[in-house]
Amino acid sequence: MGLPMQATPASDETVADAQRSIVETFEYLDSWTERYQYLIELGRQLPPFPEAKQIEANRLYGCQAGVWLVADYRSGKLYFEATSDSAIVAGLIALLLKVYSGRQPDQILATSPSFIDEIGLAEHLSPHRANGLSLMLERVRAFAMAHVADDLAGSDA
């Protein structure tokens, strides 16, 4: 298949660029069988998730698959790490990391994940996977909200 995807954005790549890249890649794939295979490949390309971070505090509940998601706030940006014991969910994680990891919290909050509808994920995921994707997006936004508040508090000092 050979369609690699970076987990964090290139320095000049915008959120819109990342979403457009995902949409263009999925348009290139002819069938949902190919698209699922691509998601599985993306999941396999995720950087290893430290076992020490696979703890209950980092687990997302409500997903049928095991999902662990953490964020690191550095230099005004959030960097996400995540893993799943489901190959397709790991691929969904890779898509989310491409769009949101390495971004400023306000960029994350200002961006709706339009690529999900544009590539047809909403209608092709099982209800459990769709719920898991929704929970991952909520967690990403919660991390961003927490750090936007930190940024505002820091600017008042």
N, C-alpha and C. Protein backbone atom coordinates (compact mmCIF):
# COMPACT_ATOMS: atom_id res chain seq x y z
N MET A 1 0.84 -1.19 0.00
CA MET A 1 0.00 0.00 0.00
C MET A 1 0.87 1.24 0.00
N GLY A 2 1.90 1.31 0.87
CA GLY A 2 2.93 2.31 0.79
C GLY A 2 2.49 3.75 0.89
N LEU A 3 1.55 4.07 1.76
CA LEU A 3 1.12 5.45 1.93
C LEU A 3 1.45 5.88 3.36
N PRO A 4 2.70 6.24 3.62
CA PRO A 4 3.08 6.58 4.99
C PRO A 4 2.43 7.87 5.47
N MET A 5 2.33 7.99 6.78
CA MET A 5 1.76 9.19 7.37
C MET A 5 2.54 9.53 8.63
N GLN A 6 2.95 10.78 8.75
CA GLN A 6 3.65 11.21 9.95
C GLN A 6 2.67 11.33 11.11
N ALA A 7 3.14 10.95 12.30
CA ALA A 7 2.28 11.05 13.48
C ALA A 7 2.21 12.48 14.00
N THR A 8 3.25 13.27 13.77
CA THR A 8 3.21 14.68 14.15
C THR A 8 3.42 15.50 12.90
N PRO A 9 2.87 16.70 12.87
CA PRO A 9 2.90 17.49 11.65
C PRO A 9 4.29 18.02 11.30
N ALA A 10 4.51 18.22 10.01
CA ALA A 10 5.69 18.94 9.58
C ALA A 10 5.54 20.36 10.09
N SER A 11 6.64 21.06 10.26
CA SER A 11 6.60 22.38 10.91
C SER A 11 5.70 23.38 10.19
N ASP A 12 5.55 23.24 8.88
CA ASP A 12 4.72 24.19 8.14
C ASP A 12 3.33 23.65 7.80
N GLU A 13 3.01 22.44 8.25
CA GLU A 13 1.72 21.84 7.95
C GLU A 13 0.65 22.37 8.91
N THR A 14 -0.44 22.87 8.36
CA THR A 14 -1.54 23.35 9.19
C THR A 14 -2.48 22.19 9.50
N VAL A 15 -3.40 22.43 10.41
CA VAL A 15 -4.43 21.43 10.72
C VAL A 15 -5.24 21.14 9.46
N ALA A 16 -5.58 22.18 8.72
CA ALA A 16 -6.34 22.00 7.48
C ALA A 16 -5.54 21.16 6.48
N ASP A 17 -4.23 21.41 6.39
CA ASP A 17 -3.37 20.61 5.50
C ASP A 17 -3.41 19.14 5.90
N ALA A 18 -3.32 18.87 7.20
CA ALA A 18 -3.31 17.49 7.69
C ALA A 18 -4.62 16.80 7.34
N GLN A 19 -5.73 17.50 7.55
CA GLN A 19 -7.03 16.90 7.23
C GLN A 19 -7.18 16.68 5.72
N ARG A 20 -6.72 17.64 4.93
CA ARG A 20 -6.80 17.52 3.47
C ARG A 20 -5.96 16.33 2.99
N SER A 21 -4.79 16.14 3.59
CA SER A 21 -3.92 15.02 3.24
C SER A 21 -4.61 13.68 3.51
N ILE A 22 -5.28 13.58 4.65
CA ILE A 22 -6.01 12.36 4.99
C ILE A 22 -7.11 12.11 3.97
N VAL A 23 -7.88 13.14 3.66
CA VAL A 23 -8.98 13.00 2.70
C VAL A 23 -8.45 12.57 1.34
N GLU A 24 -7.38 13.21 0.88
CA GLU A 24 -6.81 12.87 -0.43
C GLU A 24 -6.32 11.43 -0.46
N THR A 25 -5.69 10.98 0.62
CA THR A 25 -5.22 9.61 0.67
C THR A 25 -6.38 8.62 0.61
N PHE A 26 -7.43 8.89 1.37
CA PHE A 26 -8.58 7.99 1.37
C PHE A 26 -9.31 8.00 0.03
N GLU A 27 -9.32 9.14 -0.65
CA GLU A 27 -9.93 9.19 -1.99
C GLU A 27 -9.17 8.33 -2.97
N TYR A 28 -7.88 8.18 -2.77
CA TYR A 28 -7.02 7.39 -3.64
C TYR A 28 -7.34 5.90 -3.51
N LEU A 29 -7.82 5.49 -2.34
CA LEU A 29 -8.13 4.08 -2.09
C LEU A 29 -9.52 3.76 -2.62
N ASP A 30 -9.63 2.69 -3.40
CA ASP A 30 -10.86 2.40 -4.13
C ASP A 30 -12.01 1.83 -3.30
N SER A 31 -11.71 1.06 -2.28
CA SER A 31 -12.78 0.38 -1.56
C SER A 31 -12.56 0.51 -0.06
N TRP A 32 -13.62 0.16 0.69
CA TRP A 32 -13.47 0.20 2.15
C TRP A 32 -12.58 -0.93 2.65
N THR A 33 -12.47 -1.98 1.90
CA THR A 33 -11.51 -3.03 2.26
C THR A 33 -10.10 -2.45 2.24
N GLU A 34 -9.77 -1.71 1.20
CA GLU A 34 -8.45 -1.05 1.11
C GLU A 34 -8.28 0.00 2.20
N ARG A 35 -9.34 0.72 2.49
CA ARG A 35 -9.27 1.77 3.51
C ARG A 35 -9.04 1.16 4.90
N TYR A 36 -9.73 0.07 5.20
CA TYR A 36 -9.50 -0.61 6.48
C TYR A 36 -8.07 -1.15 6.55
N GLN A 37 -7.58 -1.70 5.45
CA GLN A 37 -6.21 -2.21 5.43
C GLN A 37 -5.22 -1.06 5.67
N TYR A 38 -5.51 0.10 5.09
CA TYR A 38 -4.66 1.27 5.30
C TYR A 38 -4.68 1.70 6.77
N LEU A 39 -5.87 1.70 7.37
CA LEU A 39 -5.97 2.03 8.80
C LEU A 39 -5.13 1.07 9.64
N ILE A 40 -5.19 -0.21 9.31
CA ILE A 40 -4.41 -1.21 10.04
C ILE A 40 -2.92 -0.93 9.88
N GLU A 41 -2.48 -0.59 8.66
CA GLU A 41 -1.07 -0.25 8.44
C GLU A 41 -0.66 0.97 9.23
N LEU A 42 -1.52 1.99 9.26
CA LEU A 42 -1.22 3.19 10.05
C LEU A 42 -1.04 2.84 11.52
N GLY A 43 -1.93 2.00 12.03
CA GLY A 43 -1.84 1.58 13.43
C GLY A 43 -0.53 0.87 13.72
N ARG A 44 -0.07 0.07 12.79
CA ARG A 44 1.21 -0.63 12.97
C ARG A 44 2.39 0.32 12.98
N GLN A 45 2.23 1.48 12.35
CA GLN A 45 3.32 2.46 12.28
C GLN A 45 3.39 3.39 13.50
N LEU A 46 2.41 3.28 14.39
CA LEU A 46 2.45 4.12 15.59
C LEU A 46 3.74 3.85 16.36
N PRO A 47 4.32 4.89 16.92
CA PRO A 47 5.48 4.66 17.77
C PRO A 47 5.10 3.78 18.95
N PRO A 48 6.04 2.99 19.45
CA PRO A 48 5.73 2.14 20.62
C PRO A 48 5.20 2.99 21.78
N PHE A 49 4.19 2.48 22.42
CA PHE A 49 3.60 3.17 23.58
C PHE A 49 4.23 2.56 24.82
N PRO A 50 4.84 3.40 25.68
CA PRO A 50 5.51 2.87 26.87
C PRO A 50 4.57 2.06 27.76
N GLU A 51 5.00 0.88 28.11
CA GLU A 51 4.18 0.02 28.96
C GLU A 51 3.87 0.70 30.30
N ALA A 52 4.79 1.51 30.78
CA ALA A 52 4.58 2.21 32.05
C ALA A 52 3.41 3.19 31.98
N LYS A 53 3.03 3.60 30.78
CA LYS A 53 1.90 4.52 30.61
C LYS A 53 0.58 3.79 30.36
N GLN A 54 0.64 2.47 30.21
CA GLN A 54 -0.59 1.69 30.02
C GLN A 54 -1.20 1.39 31.38
N ILE A 55 -1.62 2.46 32.03
CA ILE A 55 -2.21 2.36 33.36
C ILE A 55 -3.67 2.82 33.30
N GLU A 56 -4.41 2.49 34.33
CA GLU A 56 -5.84 2.80 34.36
C GLU A 56 -6.11 4.30 34.18
N ALA A 57 -5.28 5.15 34.73
CA ALA A 57 -5.51 6.60 34.63
C ALA A 57 -5.46 7.09 33.19
N ASN A 58 -4.75 6.38 32.32
CA ASN A 58 -4.61 6.79 30.92
C ASN A 58 -5.55 6.05 29.98
N ARG A 59 -6.34 5.14 30.53
CA ARG A 59 -7.24 4.33 29.70
C ARG A 59 -8.54 5.08 29.44
N LEU A 60 -9.05 4.92 28.22
CA LEU A 60 -10.35 5.50 27.88
C LEU A 60 -11.40 4.43 28.11
N TYR A 61 -12.36 4.75 28.93
CA TYR A 61 -13.44 3.81 29.20
C TYR A 61 -14.63 4.14 28.31
N GLY A 62 -15.32 3.11 27.88
CA GLY A 62 -16.44 3.27 26.97
C GLY A 62 -16.09 2.75 25.59
N CYS A 63 -14.81 2.46 25.38
CA CYS A 63 -14.37 1.85 24.13
C CYS A 63 -14.40 0.34 24.32
N GLN A 64 -14.83 -0.39 23.32
CA GLN A 64 -14.79 -1.84 23.41
C GLN A 64 -13.34 -2.32 23.41
N ALA A 65 -12.51 -1.69 22.60
CA ALA A 65 -11.09 -2.01 22.55
C ALA A 65 -10.37 -1.30 23.69
N GLY A 66 -9.22 -1.82 24.07
CA GLY A 66 -8.40 -1.12 25.05
C GLY A 66 -7.72 0.05 24.37
N VAL A 67 -7.90 1.25 24.91
CA VAL A 67 -7.28 2.46 24.36
C VAL A 67 -6.64 3.22 25.50
N TRP A 68 -5.38 3.62 25.30
CA TRP A 68 -4.65 4.43 26.26
C TRP A 68 -4.17 5.68 25.54
N LEU A 69 -4.38 6.85 26.16
CA LEU A 69 -4.05 8.11 25.53
C LEU A 69 -3.44 9.05 26.57
N VAL A 70 -2.29 9.61 26.23
CA VAL A 70 -1.64 10.58 27.12
C VAL A 70 -1.23 11.79 26.29
N ALA A 71 -1.05 12.90 26.97
CA ALA A 71 -0.61 14.13 26.32
C ALA A 71 0.56 14.72 27.09
N ASP A 72 1.46 15.30 26.35
CA ASP A 72 2.61 15.99 26.93
C ASP A 72 2.57 17.42 26.40
N TYR A 73 2.58 18.39 27.31
CA TYR A 73 2.51 19.80 26.94
C TYR A 73 3.93 20.37 26.99
N ARG A 74 4.45 20.74 25.81
CA ARG A 74 5.81 21.29 25.71
C ARG A 74 5.81 22.48 24.78
N SER A 75 6.45 23.53 25.21
CA SER A 75 6.65 24.72 24.36
C SER A 75 5.34 25.21 23.73
N GLY A 76 4.27 25.18 24.51
CA GLY A 76 3.00 25.70 24.05
C GLY A 76 2.21 24.77 23.14
N LYS A 77 2.67 23.52 22.98
CA LYS A 77 1.97 22.56 22.11
C LYS A 77 1.70 21.27 22.86
N LEU A 78 0.66 20.57 22.42
CA LEU A 78 0.32 19.26 22.98
C LEU A 78 0.82 18.17 22.05
N TYR A 79 1.50 17.20 22.62
CA TYR A 79 1.98 16.05 21.88
C TYR A 79 1.30 14.82 22.47
N PHE A 80 0.63 14.07 21.63
CA PHE A 80 -0.14 12.93 22.08
C PHE A 80 0.58 11.62 21.77
N GLU A 81 0.40 10.68 22.68
CA GLU A 81 0.82 9.29 22.47
C GLU A 81 -0.40 8.45 22.79
N ALA A 82 -0.59 7.40 22.01
CA ALA A 82 -1.74 6.54 22.25
C ALA A 82 -1.50 5.17 21.65
N THR A 83 -2.27 4.22 22.14
CA THR A 83 -2.22 2.87 21.60
C THR A 83 -3.57 2.21 21.81
N SER A 84 -3.75 1.12 21.10
CA SER A 84 -4.96 0.32 21.26
C SER A 84 -4.60 -1.13 20.99
N ASP A 85 -5.38 -2.03 21.58
CA ASP A 85 -5.19 -3.44 21.30
C ASP A 85 -6.01 -3.88 20.08
N SER A 86 -6.65 -2.94 19.42
CA SER A 86 -7.39 -3.19 18.18
C SER A 86 -6.63 -2.55 17.02
N ALA A 87 -6.40 -3.31 15.97
CA ALA A 87 -5.62 -2.81 14.82
C ALA A 87 -6.31 -1.63 14.14
N ILE A 88 -7.61 -1.70 13.96
CA ILE A 88 -8.31 -0.60 13.28
C ILE A 88 -8.37 0.63 14.18
N VAL A 89 -8.62 0.44 15.46
CA VAL A 89 -8.64 1.58 16.39
C VAL A 89 -7.26 2.23 16.45
N ALA A 90 -6.20 1.45 16.41
CA ALA A 90 -4.85 2.02 16.37
C ALA A 90 -4.69 2.89 15.12
N GLY A 91 -5.28 2.48 14.01
CA GLY A 91 -5.25 3.30 12.81
C GLY A 91 -6.02 4.60 12.98
N LEU A 92 -7.15 4.54 13.66
CA LEU A 92 -7.90 5.76 13.96
C LEU A 92 -7.07 6.69 14.83
N ILE A 93 -6.35 6.12 15.79
CA ILE A 93 -5.45 6.91 16.63
C ILE A 93 -4.42 7.61 15.76
N ALA A 94 -3.84 6.91 14.81
CA ALA A 94 -2.82 7.50 13.93
C ALA A 94 -3.40 8.71 13.18
N LEU A 95 -4.65 8.60 12.72
CA LEU A 95 -5.28 9.74 12.04
C LEU A 95 -5.42 10.93 12.99
N LEU A 96 -5.88 10.67 14.21
CA LEU A 96 -6.05 11.75 15.18
C LEU A 96 -4.71 12.40 15.53
N LEU A 97 -3.67 11.59 15.67
CA LEU A 97 -2.35 12.15 15.97
C LEU A 97 -1.86 13.04 14.84
N LYS A 98 -2.11 12.63 13.61
CA LYS A 98 -1.70 13.44 12.47
C LYS A 98 -2.36 14.81 12.51
N VAL A 99 -3.62 14.85 12.88
CA VAL A 99 -4.36 16.11 12.89
C VAL A 99 -4.04 16.95 14.13
N TYR A 100 -3.94 16.31 15.30
CA TYR A 100 -3.90 17.08 16.54
C TYR A 100 -2.57 17.11 17.30
N SER A 101 -1.71 16.14 17.13
CA SER A 101 -0.47 16.13 17.91
C SER A 101 0.50 17.19 17.38
N GLY A 102 1.16 17.87 18.30
CA GLY A 102 2.10 18.92 17.93
C GLY A 102 1.44 20.25 17.66
N ARG A 103 0.21 20.40 18.11
CA ARG A 103 -0.56 21.63 17.88
C ARG A 103 -0.74 22.41 19.18
N GLN A 104 -1.00 23.70 19.02
CA GLN A 104 -1.32 24.53 20.18
C GLN A 104 -2.74 24.20 20.62
N PRO A 105 -3.01 24.28 21.92
CA PRO A 105 -4.34 23.94 22.41
C PRO A 105 -5.47 24.71 21.72
N ASP A 106 -5.27 26.00 21.45
CA ASP A 106 -6.33 26.77 20.79
C ASP A 106 -6.57 26.29 19.36
N GLN A 107 -5.53 25.79 18.68
CA GLN A 107 -5.71 25.22 17.34
C GLN A 107 -6.58 23.95 17.41
N ILE A 108 -6.32 23.15 18.42
CA ILE A 108 -7.09 21.91 18.58
C ILE A 108 -8.56 22.24 18.82
N LEU A 109 -8.81 23.20 19.70
CA LEU A 109 -10.18 23.54 20.04
C LEU A 109 -10.92 24.22 18.89
N ALA A 110 -10.19 24.88 18.01
CA ALA A 110 -10.80 25.59 16.89
C ALA A 110 -11.04 24.70 15.68
N THR A 111 -10.62 23.44 15.77
CA THR A 111 -10.68 22.56 14.61
C THR A 111 -11.66 21.42 14.82
N SER A 112 -12.66 21.37 13.97
CA SER A 112 -13.54 20.21 14.01
C SER A 112 -12.91 19.13 13.13
N PRO A 113 -13.10 17.88 13.48
CA PRO A 113 -12.51 16.80 12.70
C PRO A 113 -13.33 16.51 11.44
N SER A 114 -13.32 17.45 10.52
CA SER A 114 -14.14 17.32 9.30
C SER A 114 -13.73 16.13 8.44
N PHE A 115 -12.48 15.70 8.56
CA PHE A 115 -12.02 14.57 7.74
C PHE A 115 -12.82 13.30 8.01
N ILE A 116 -13.36 13.16 9.22
CA ILE A 116 -14.12 11.96 9.58
C ILE A 116 -15.33 11.80 8.66
N ASP A 117 -16.08 12.88 8.47
CA ASP A 117 -17.23 12.81 7.57
C ASP A 117 -16.80 12.79 6.11
N GLU A 118 -15.76 13.56 5.78
CA GLU A 118 -15.32 13.64 4.39
C GLU A 118 -14.84 12.30 3.84
N ILE A 119 -14.23 11.48 4.67
CA ILE A 119 -13.76 10.18 4.17
C ILE A 119 -14.78 9.07 4.39
N GLY A 120 -15.89 9.40 5.04
CA GLY A 120 -16.95 8.42 5.23
C GLY A 120 -16.77 7.51 6.42
N LEU A 121 -15.89 7.89 7.34
CA LEU A 121 -15.68 7.05 8.52
C LEU A 121 -16.95 6.90 9.33
N ALA A 122 -17.69 7.98 9.47
CA ALA A 122 -18.88 7.96 10.33
C ALA A 122 -19.83 6.83 9.95
N GLU A 123 -20.02 6.61 8.66
CA GLU A 123 -20.97 5.56 8.26
C GLU A 123 -20.34 4.19 8.08
N HIS A 124 -19.01 4.09 8.15
CA HIS A 124 -18.36 2.80 7.94
C HIS A 124 -17.75 2.18 9.20
N LEU A 125 -17.84 2.87 10.32
CA LEU A 125 -17.34 2.30 11.57
C LEU A 125 -18.49 1.61 12.30
N SER A 126 -18.15 0.55 13.01
CA SER A 126 -19.16 -0.08 13.85
C SER A 126 -19.54 0.92 14.95
N PRO A 127 -20.72 0.76 15.56
CA PRO A 127 -21.11 1.67 16.64
C PRO A 127 -20.08 1.73 17.77
N HIS A 128 -19.45 0.59 18.10
CA HIS A 128 -18.44 0.58 19.18
C HIS A 128 -17.21 1.39 18.79
N ARG A 129 -16.75 1.21 17.55
CA ARG A 129 -15.57 1.97 17.10
C ARG A 129 -15.90 3.46 16.98
N ALA A 130 -17.09 3.78 16.49
CA ALA A 130 -17.49 5.18 16.38
C ALA A 130 -17.54 5.82 17.77
N ASN A 131 -18.05 5.08 18.75
CA ASN A 131 -18.08 5.58 20.12
C ASN A 131 -16.66 5.78 20.64
N GLY A 132 -15.77 4.84 20.36
CA GLY A 132 -14.38 4.97 20.78
C GLY A 132 -13.71 6.18 20.16
N LEU A 133 -13.96 6.42 18.87
CA LEU A 133 -13.41 7.58 18.19
C LEU A 133 -13.92 8.87 18.83
N SER A 134 -15.21 8.90 19.14
CA SER A 134 -15.80 10.06 19.80
C SER A 134 -15.15 10.30 21.16
N LEU A 135 -14.93 9.24 21.92
CA LEU A 135 -14.29 9.36 23.24
C LEU A 135 -12.84 9.86 23.11
N MET A 136 -12.12 9.37 22.09
CA MET A 136 -10.75 9.85 21.88
C MET A 136 -10.74 11.34 21.56
N LEU A 137 -11.67 11.77 20.70
CA LEU A 137 -11.75 13.19 20.36
C LEU A 137 -12.08 14.03 21.60
N GLU A 138 -13.00 13.54 22.43
CA GLU A 138 -13.34 14.25 23.67
C GLU A 138 -12.13 14.39 24.58
N ARG A 139 -11.33 13.33 24.69
CA ARG A 139 -10.14 13.37 25.55
C ARG A 139 -9.10 14.35 25.00
N VAL A 140 -8.90 14.35 23.69
CA VAL A 140 -7.97 15.29 23.06
C VAL A 140 -8.42 16.72 23.36
N ARG A 141 -9.70 16.98 23.19
CA ARG A 141 -10.23 18.33 23.46
C ARG A 141 -10.13 18.69 24.95
N ALA A 142 -10.32 17.70 25.82
CA ALA A 142 -10.19 17.97 27.26
C ALA A 142 -8.75 18.36 27.62
N PHE A 143 -7.78 17.66 27.04
CA PHE A 143 -6.39 18.05 27.27
C PHE A 143 -6.16 19.47 26.77
N ALA A 144 -6.68 19.80 25.61
CA ALA A 144 -6.51 21.14 25.04
C ALA A 144 -7.17 22.19 25.93
N MET A 145 -8.38 21.91 26.40
CA MET A 145 -9.08 22.85 27.30
C MET A 145 -8.26 23.11 28.56
N ALA A 146 -7.70 22.06 29.12
CA ALA A 146 -6.91 22.21 30.35
C ALA A 146 -5.70 23.11 30.11
N HIS A 147 -5.09 22.98 28.96
CA HIS A 147 -3.88 23.76 28.71
C HIS A 147 -4.16 25.15 28.17
N VAL A 148 -5.31 25.36 27.56
CA VAL A 148 -5.70 26.73 27.21
C VAL A 148 -5.89 27.50 28.50
N ALA A 149 -6.53 26.86 29.49
CA ALA A 149 -6.72 27.50 30.79
C ALA A 149 -5.36 27.80 31.42
N ASP A 150 -4.40 26.87 31.32
CA ASP A 150 -3.06 27.11 31.85
C ASP A 150 -2.40 28.28 31.16
N ASP A 151 -2.53 28.36 29.82
CA ASP A 151 -1.95 29.47 29.07
C ASP A 151 -2.53 30.81 29.51
N LEU A 152 -3.85 30.83 29.70
CA LEU A 152 -4.50 32.08 30.12
C LEU A 152 -4.05 32.47 31.52
N ALA A 153 -3.95 31.51 32.41
CA ALA A 153 -3.50 31.80 33.78
C ALA A 153 -2.07 32.31 33.77
N GLY A 154 -1.23 31.73 32.92
CA GLY A 154 0.17 32.14 32.82
C GLY A 154 0.31 33.54 32.24
N SER A 155 -0.60 33.94 31.36
CA SER A 155 -0.51 35.27 30.75
C SER A 155 -1.00 36.36 31.69
N ASP A 156 -1.75 35.98 32.73
CA ASP A 156 -2.23 36.97 33.70
C ASP A 156 -1.16 37.34 34.71
N ALA A 157 -0.14 36.51 34.84
CA ALA A 157 0.87 36.74 35.88
C ALA A 157 1.79 37.88 35.51
